[in-house]
Amino acid sequence: MSRPRSSPFISLKLILLVGLSLRWLFVLVSDHVYHPDEIFQTLEPAYRLVFGFGLIPWDFTYGLR
């Protein structure tokens, strides 16, 4: 008697489960990576819109965003 073949979906499920587990482990353990430049470039235009003054980031000046 031959062994039944394992379904390819079992290995896919295992890979996805391991990847999801590693991702959740990283979320729970790490301090997260913040990018100050991106935070500045989102908060500064909002501040300028609300209060009427502030800095304009270079990528807004050149129309990159």
PDB file of N, CA and C in Angstrom:
ATOM      1  N   MET A   1       0.824  -1.188   0.000  1.00  0.00           N
ATOM      2  CA  MET A   1       0.000   0.000   0.000  1.00  0.00           C
ATOM      3  C   MET A   1       0.869   1.253   0.000  1.00  0.00           C
ATOM      4  N   SER A   2       0.494   2.184  -0.821  1.00  0.00           N
ATOM      5  CA  SER A   2       1.252   3.433  -0.863  1.00  0.00           C
ATOM      6  C   SER A   2       0.593   4.471   0.043  1.00  0.00           C
ATOM      7  N   ARG A   3       1.428   5.359   0.518  1.00  0.00           N
ATOM      8  CA  ARG A   3       0.919   6.441   1.367  1.00  0.00           C
ATOM      9  C   ARG A   3       0.166   7.451   0.516  1.00  0.00           C
ATOM     10  N   PRO A   4      -0.914   7.989   1.042  1.00  0.00           N
ATOM     11  CA  PRO A   4      -1.615   9.034   0.287  1.00  0.00           C
ATOM     12  C   PRO A   4      -0.750  10.301   0.212  1.00  0.00           C
ATOM     13  N   ARG A   5      -0.801  10.951  -0.916  1.00  0.00           N
ATOM     14  CA  ARG A   5      -0.016  12.175  -1.078  1.00  0.00           C
ATOM     15  C   ARG A   5      -0.579  13.278  -0.195  1.00  0.00           C
ATOM     16  N   SER A   6       0.328  14.090   0.323  1.00  0.00           N
ATOM     17  CA  SER A   6      -0.144  15.233   1.103  1.00  0.00           C
ATOM     18  C   SER A   6      -0.577  16.333   0.151  1.00  0.00           C
ATOM     19  N   SER A   7      -1.603  16.974   0.504  1.00  0.00           N
ATOM     20  CA  SER A   7      -2.146  18.033  -0.332  1.00  0.00           C
ATOM     21  C   SER A   7      -1.191  19.231  -0.349  1.00  0.00           C
ATOM     22  N   PRO A   8      -1.030  19.901  -1.489  1.00  0.00           N
ATOM     23  CA  PRO A   8      -0.170  21.085  -1.517  1.00  0.00           C
ATOM     24  C   PRO A   8      -0.720  22.205  -0.636  1.00  0.00           C
ATOM     25  N   PHE A   9      -2.015  22.140  -0.346  1.00  0.00           N
ATOM     26  CA  PHE A   9      -2.604  23.175   0.496  1.00  0.00           C
ATOM     27  C   PHE A   9      -2.144  23.057   1.945  1.00  0.00           C
ATOM     28  N   ILE A  10      -1.765  21.858   2.369  1.00  0.00           N
ATOM     29  CA  ILE A  10      -1.281  21.680   3.735  1.00  0.00           C
ATOM     30  C   ILE A  10       0.033  22.423   3.919  1.00  0.00           C
ATOM     31  N   SER A  11       0.949  22.305   2.958  1.00  0.00           N
ATOM     32  CA  SER A  11       2.217  23.011   3.078  1.00  0.00           C
ATOM     33  C   SER A  11       2.008  24.516   2.942  1.00  0.00           C
ATOM     34  N   LEU A  12       1.084  24.951   2.101  1.00  0.00           N
ATOM     35  CA  LEU A  12       0.794  26.372   1.976  1.00  0.00           C
ATOM     36  C   LEU A  12       0.228  26.921   3.281  1.00  0.00           C
ATOM     37  N   LYS A  13      -0.676  26.165   3.890  1.00  0.00           N
ATOM     38  CA  LYS A  13      -1.237  26.582   5.172  1.00  0.00           C
ATOM     39  C   LYS A  13      -0.158  26.663   6.239  1.00  0.00           C
ATOM     40  N   LEU A  14       0.761  25.718   6.229  1.00  0.00           N
ATOM     41  CA  LEU A  14       1.849  25.720   7.201  1.00  0.00           C
ATOM     42  C   LEU A  14       2.744  26.941   7.009  1.00  0.00           C
ATOM     43  N   ILE A  15       3.075  27.261   5.774  1.00  0.00           N
ATOM     44  CA  ILE A  15       3.913  28.426   5.488  1.00  0.00           C
ATOM     45  C   ILE A  15       3.208  29.708   5.930  1.00  0.00           C
ATOM     46  N   LEU A  16       1.933  29.829   5.615  1.00  0.00           N
ATOM     47  CA  LEU A  16       1.184  31.016   6.013  1.00  0.00           C
ATOM     48  C   LEU A  16       1.063  31.127   7.530  1.00  0.00           C
ATOM     49  N   LEU A  17       0.873  30.009   8.202  1.00  0.00           N
ATOM     50  CA  LEU A  17       0.773  30.008   9.657  1.00  0.00           C
ATOM     51  C   LEU A  17       2.085  30.430  10.302  1.00  0.00           C
ATOM     52  N   VAL A  18       3.190  29.923   9.789  1.00  0.00           N
ATOM     53  CA  VAL A  18       4.502  30.308  10.322  1.00  0.00           C
ATOM     54  C   VAL A  18       4.752  31.799  10.074  1.00  0.00           C
ATOM     55  N   GLY A  19       4.444  32.276   8.871  1.00  0.00           N
ATOM     56  CA  GLY A  19       4.642  33.692   8.561  1.00  0.00           C
ATOM     57  C   GLY A  19       3.788  34.595   9.432  1.00  0.00           C
ATOM     58  N   LEU A  20       2.534  34.217   9.628  1.00  0.00           N
ATOM     59  CA  LEU A  20       1.647  35.006  10.470  1.00  0.00           C
ATOM     60  C   LEU A  20       2.113  34.992  11.921  1.00  0.00           C
ATOM     61  N   SER A  21       2.585  33.843  12.381  1.00  0.00           N
ATOM     62  CA  SER A  21       3.083  33.742  13.750  1.00  0.00           C
ATOM     63  C   SER A  21       4.304  34.631  13.951  1.00  0.00           C
ATOM     64  N   LEU A  22       5.218  34.637  12.983  1.00  0.00           N
ATOM     65  CA  LEU A  22       6.397  35.494  13.097  1.00  0.00           C
ATOM     66  C   LEU A  22       6.015  36.967  13.076  1.00  0.00           C
ATOM     67  N   ARG A  23       5.038  37.302  12.253  1.00  0.00           N
ATOM     68  CA  ARG A  23       4.590  38.701  12.182  1.00  0.00           C
ATOM     69  C   ARG A  23       3.980  39.143  13.513  1.00  0.00           C
ATOM     70  N   TRP A  24       3.130  38.312  14.094  1.00  0.00           N
ATOM     71  CA  TRP A  24       2.530  38.655  15.383  1.00  0.00           C
ATOM     72  C   TRP A  24       3.580  38.719  16.487  1.00  0.00           C
ATOM     73  N   LEU A  25       4.563  37.833  16.436  1.00  0.00           N
ATOM     74  CA  LEU A  25       5.647  37.876  17.418  1.00  0.00           C
ATOM     75  C   LEU A  25       6.401  39.196  17.314  1.00  0.00           C
ATOM     76  N   PHE A  26       6.673  39.644  16.094  1.00  0.00           N
ATOM     77  CA  PHE A  26       7.364  40.907  15.884  1.00  0.00           C
ATOM     78  C   PHE A  26       6.523  42.077  16.404  1.00  0.00           C
ATOM     79  N   VAL A  27       5.227  42.035  16.171  1.00  0.00           N
ATOM     80  CA  VAL A  27       4.351  43.122  16.626  1.00  0.00           C
ATOM     81  C   VAL A  27       4.322  43.192  18.148  1.00  0.00           C
ATOM     82  N   LEU A  28       4.281  42.062  18.797  1.00  0.00           N
ATOM     83  CA  LEU A  28       4.176  42.045  20.250  1.00  0.00           C
ATOM     84  C   LEU A  28       5.495  42.353  20.957  1.00  0.00           C
ATOM     85  N   VAL A  29       6.616  42.035  20.341  1.00  0.00           N
ATOM     86  CA  VAL A  29       7.910  42.152  21.014  1.00  0.00           C
ATOM     87  C   VAL A  29       8.656  43.429  20.639  1.00  0.00           C
ATOM     88  N   SER A  30       8.533  43.895  19.420  1.00  0.00           N
ATOM     89  CA  SER A  30       9.367  44.998  18.951  1.00  0.00           C
ATOM     90  C   SER A  30       8.844  46.355  19.417  1.00  0.00           C
ATOM     91  N   ASP A  31       9.706  47.353  19.258  1.00  0.00           N
ATOM     92  CA  ASP A  31       9.340  48.729  19.587  1.00  0.00           C
ATOM     93  C   ASP A  31       8.772  49.449  18.382  1.00  0.00           C
ATOM     94  N   HIS A  32       8.637  48.786  17.270  1.00  0.00           N
ATOM     95  CA  HIS A  32       8.141  49.327  16.007  1.00  0.00           C
ATOM     96  C   HIS A  32       9.117  50.359  15.453  1.00  0.00           C
ATOM     97  N   VAL A  33       9.147  50.454  14.181  1.00  0.00           N
ATOM     98  CA  VAL A  33      10.037  51.378  13.506  1.00  0.00           C
ATOM     99  C   VAL A  33       9.208  52.563  13.033  1.00  0.00           C
ATOM    100  N   TYR A  34       9.593  53.725  13.484  1.00  0.00           N
ATOM    101  CA  TYR A  34       8.919  54.943  13.050  1.00  0.00           C
ATOM    102  C   TYR A  34       9.858  55.707  12.134  1.00  0.00           C
ATOM    103  N   HIS A  35       9.308  56.312  11.143  1.00  0.00           N
ATOM    104  CA  HIS A  35      10.089  57.111  10.211  1.00  0.00           C
ATOM    105  C   HIS A  35       9.724  58.568  10.443  1.00  0.00           C
ATOM    106  N   PRO A  36      10.571  59.317  11.167  1.00  0.00           N
ATOM    107  CA  PRO A  36      10.235  60.698  11.517  1.00  0.00           C
ATOM    108  C   PRO A  36       9.942  61.576  10.299  1.00  0.00           C
ATOM    109  N   ASP A  37      10.620  61.322   9.189  1.00  0.00           N
ATOM    110  CA  ASP A  37      10.411  62.132   8.004  1.00  0.00           C
ATOM    111  C   ASP A  37       8.987  61.967   7.488  1.00  0.00           C
ATOM    112  N   GLU A  38       8.468  60.755   7.490  1.00  0.00           N
ATOM    113  CA  GLU A  38       7.112  60.520   7.014  1.00  0.00           C
ATOM    114  C   GLU A  38       6.081  61.112   7.960  1.00  0.00           C
ATOM    115  N   ILE A  39       6.346  61.038   9.261  1.00  0.00           N
ATOM    116  CA  ILE A  39       5.426  61.620  10.231  1.00  0.00           C
ATOM    117  C   ILE A  39       5.400  63.138  10.059  1.00  0.00           C
ATOM    118  N   PHE A  40       6.578  63.739   9.889  1.00  0.00           N
ATOM    119  CA  PHE A  40       6.662  65.182   9.681  1.00  0.00           C
ATOM    120  C   PHE A  40       5.907  65.600   8.428  1.00  0.00           C
ATOM    121  N   GLN A  41       6.063  64.830   7.364  1.00  0.00           N
ATOM    122  CA  GLN A  41       5.462  65.207   6.090  1.00  0.00           C
ATOM    123  C   GLN A  41       3.947  65.013   6.064  1.00  0.00           C
ATOM    124  N   THR A  42       3.401  64.330   7.038  1.00  0.00           N
ATOM    125  CA  THR A  42       1.944  64.227   7.108  1.00  0.00           C
ATOM    126  C   THR A  42       1.365  65.207   8.119  1.00  0.00           C
ATOM    127  N   LEU A  43       2.078  65.449   9.213  1.00  0.00           N
ATOM    128  CA  LEU A  43       1.550  66.342  10.240  1.00  0.00           C
ATOM    129  C   LEU A  43       1.738  67.812   9.886  1.00  0.00           C
ATOM    130  N   GLU A  44       2.836  68.156   9.254  1.00  0.00           N
ATOM    131  CA  GLU A  44       3.115  69.562   8.951  1.00  0.00           C
ATOM    132  C   GLU A  44       2.103  70.166   7.977  1.00  0.00           C
ATOM    133  N   PRO A  45       1.728  69.490   6.866  1.00  0.00           N
ATOM    134  CA  PRO A  45       0.696  70.069   6.009  1.00  0.00           C
ATOM    135  C   PRO A  45      -0.664  70.191   6.716  1.00  0.00           C
ATOM    136  N   ALA A  46      -0.970  69.245   7.590  1.00  0.00           N
ATOM    137  CA  ALA A  46      -2.234  69.321   8.333  1.00  0.00           C
ATOM    138  C   ALA A  46      -2.203  70.507   9.296  1.00  0.00           C
ATOM    139  N   TYR A  47      -1.086  70.714   9.959  1.00  0.00           N
ATOM    140  CA  TYR A  47      -0.923  71.861  10.862  1.00  0.00           C
ATOM    141  C   TYR A  47      -1.056  73.166  10.091  1.00  0.00           C
ATOM    142  N   ARG A  48      -0.435  73.219   8.921  1.00  0.00           N
ATOM    143  CA  ARG A  48      -0.483  74.421   8.085  1.00  0.00           C
ATOM    144  C   ARG A  48      -1.914  74.682   7.606  1.00  0.00           C
ATOM    145  N   LEU A  49      -2.634  73.623   7.297  1.00  0.00           N
ATOM    146  CA  LEU A  49      -4.014  73.767   6.843  1.00  0.00           C
ATOM    147  C   LEU A  49      -4.911  74.307   7.960  1.00  0.00           C
ATOM    148  N   VAL A  50      -4.679  73.846   9.189  1.00  0.00           N
ATOM    149  CA  VAL A  50      -5.522  74.248  10.312  1.00  0.00           C
ATOM    150  C   VAL A  50      -5.182  75.654  10.806  1.00  0.00           C
ATOM    151  N   PHE A  51      -3.884  75.942  10.972  1.00  0.00           N
ATOM    152  CA  PHE A  51      -3.484  77.199  11.599  1.00  0.00           C
ATOM    153  C   PHE A  51      -3.034  78.273  10.613  1.00  0.00           C
ATOM    154  N   GLY A  52      -2.839  77.921   9.351  1.00  0.00           N
ATOM    155  CA  GLY A  52      -2.515  78.924   8.352  1.00  0.00           C
ATOM    156  C   GLY A  52      -1.043  79.231   8.176  1.00  0.00           C
ATOM    157  N   PHE A  53      -0.178  78.645   8.966  1.00  0.00           N
ATOM    158  CA  PHE A  53       1.256  78.855   8.795  1.00  0.00           C
ATOM    159  C   PHE A  53       1.993  77.564   9.123  1.00  0.00           C
ATOM    160  N   GLY A  54       3.177  77.439   8.591  1.00  0.00           N
ATOM    161  CA  GLY A  54       3.981  76.250   8.828  1.00  0.00           C
ATOM    162  C   GLY A  54       4.927  76.018   7.675  1.00  0.00           C
ATOM    163  N   LEU A  55       5.703  74.977   7.770  1.00  0.00           N
ATOM    164  CA  LEU A  55       6.679  74.660   6.733  1.00  0.00           C
ATOM    165  C   LEU A  55       6.034  73.831   5.635  1.00  0.00           C
ATOM    166  N   ILE A  56       6.546  74.001   4.433  1.00  0.00           N
ATOM    167  CA  ILE A  56       6.092  73.187   3.312  1.00  0.00           C
ATOM    168  C   ILE A  56       7.226  72.227   2.958  1.00  0.00           C
ATOM    169  N   PRO A  57       7.028  70.922   3.111  1.00  0.00           N
ATOM    170  CA  PRO A  57       8.096  69.968   2.772  1.00  0.00           C
ATOM    171  C   PRO A  57       8.470  70.068   1.296  1.00  0.00           C
ATOM    172  N   TRP A  58       9.700  69.702   0.989  1.00  0.00           N
ATOM    173  CA  TRP A  58      10.217  69.873  -0.369  1.00  0.00           C
ATOM    174  C   TRP A  58       9.432  69.073  -1.389  1.00  0.00           C
ATOM    175  N   ASP A  59       8.935  67.901  -1.012  1.00  0.00           N
ATOM    176  CA  ASP A  59       8.217  67.099  -2.013  1.00  0.00           C
ATOM    177  C   ASP A  59       6.850  67.673  -2.328  1.00  0.00           C
ATOM    178  N   PHE A  60       6.266  68.443  -1.410  1.00  0.00           N
ATOM    179  CA  PHE A  60       5.026  69.152  -1.722  1.00  0.00           C
ATOM    180  C   PHE A  60       5.328  70.342  -2.637  1.00  0.00           C
ATOM    181  N   THR A  61       6.473  70.972  -2.399  1.00  0.00           N
ATOM    182  CA  THR A  61       6.871  72.134  -3.200  1.00  0.00           C
ATOM    183  C   THR A  61       7.050  71.731  -4.669  1.00  0.00           C
ATOM    184  N   TYR A  62       7.679  70.585  -4.901  1.00  0.00           N
ATOM    185  CA  TYR A  62       7.949  70.135  -6.264  1.00  0.00           C
ATOM    186  C   TYR A  62       6.826  69.263  -6.837  1.00  0.00           C
ATOM    187  N   GLY A  63       5.769  69.073  -6.095  1.00  0.00           N
ATOM    188  CA  GLY A  63       4.620  68.321  -6.589  1.00  0.00           C
ATOM    189  C   GLY A  63       4.810  66.817  -6.644  1.00  0.00           C
ATOM    190  N   LEU A  64       5.641  66.297  -5.766  1.00  0.00           N
ATOM    191  CA  LEU A  64       5.872  64.854  -5.754  1.00  0.00           C
ATOM    192  C   LEU A  64       4.803  64.108  -4.950  1.00  0.00           C
ATOM    193  N   ARG A  65       4.066  64.823  -4.146  1.00  0.00           N
ATOM    194  CA  ARG A  65       2.997  64.188  -3.376  1.00  0.00           C
ATOM    195  C   ARG A  65       1.687  64.806  -3.724  1.00  0.00           C
TER     196      ARG A  65
END
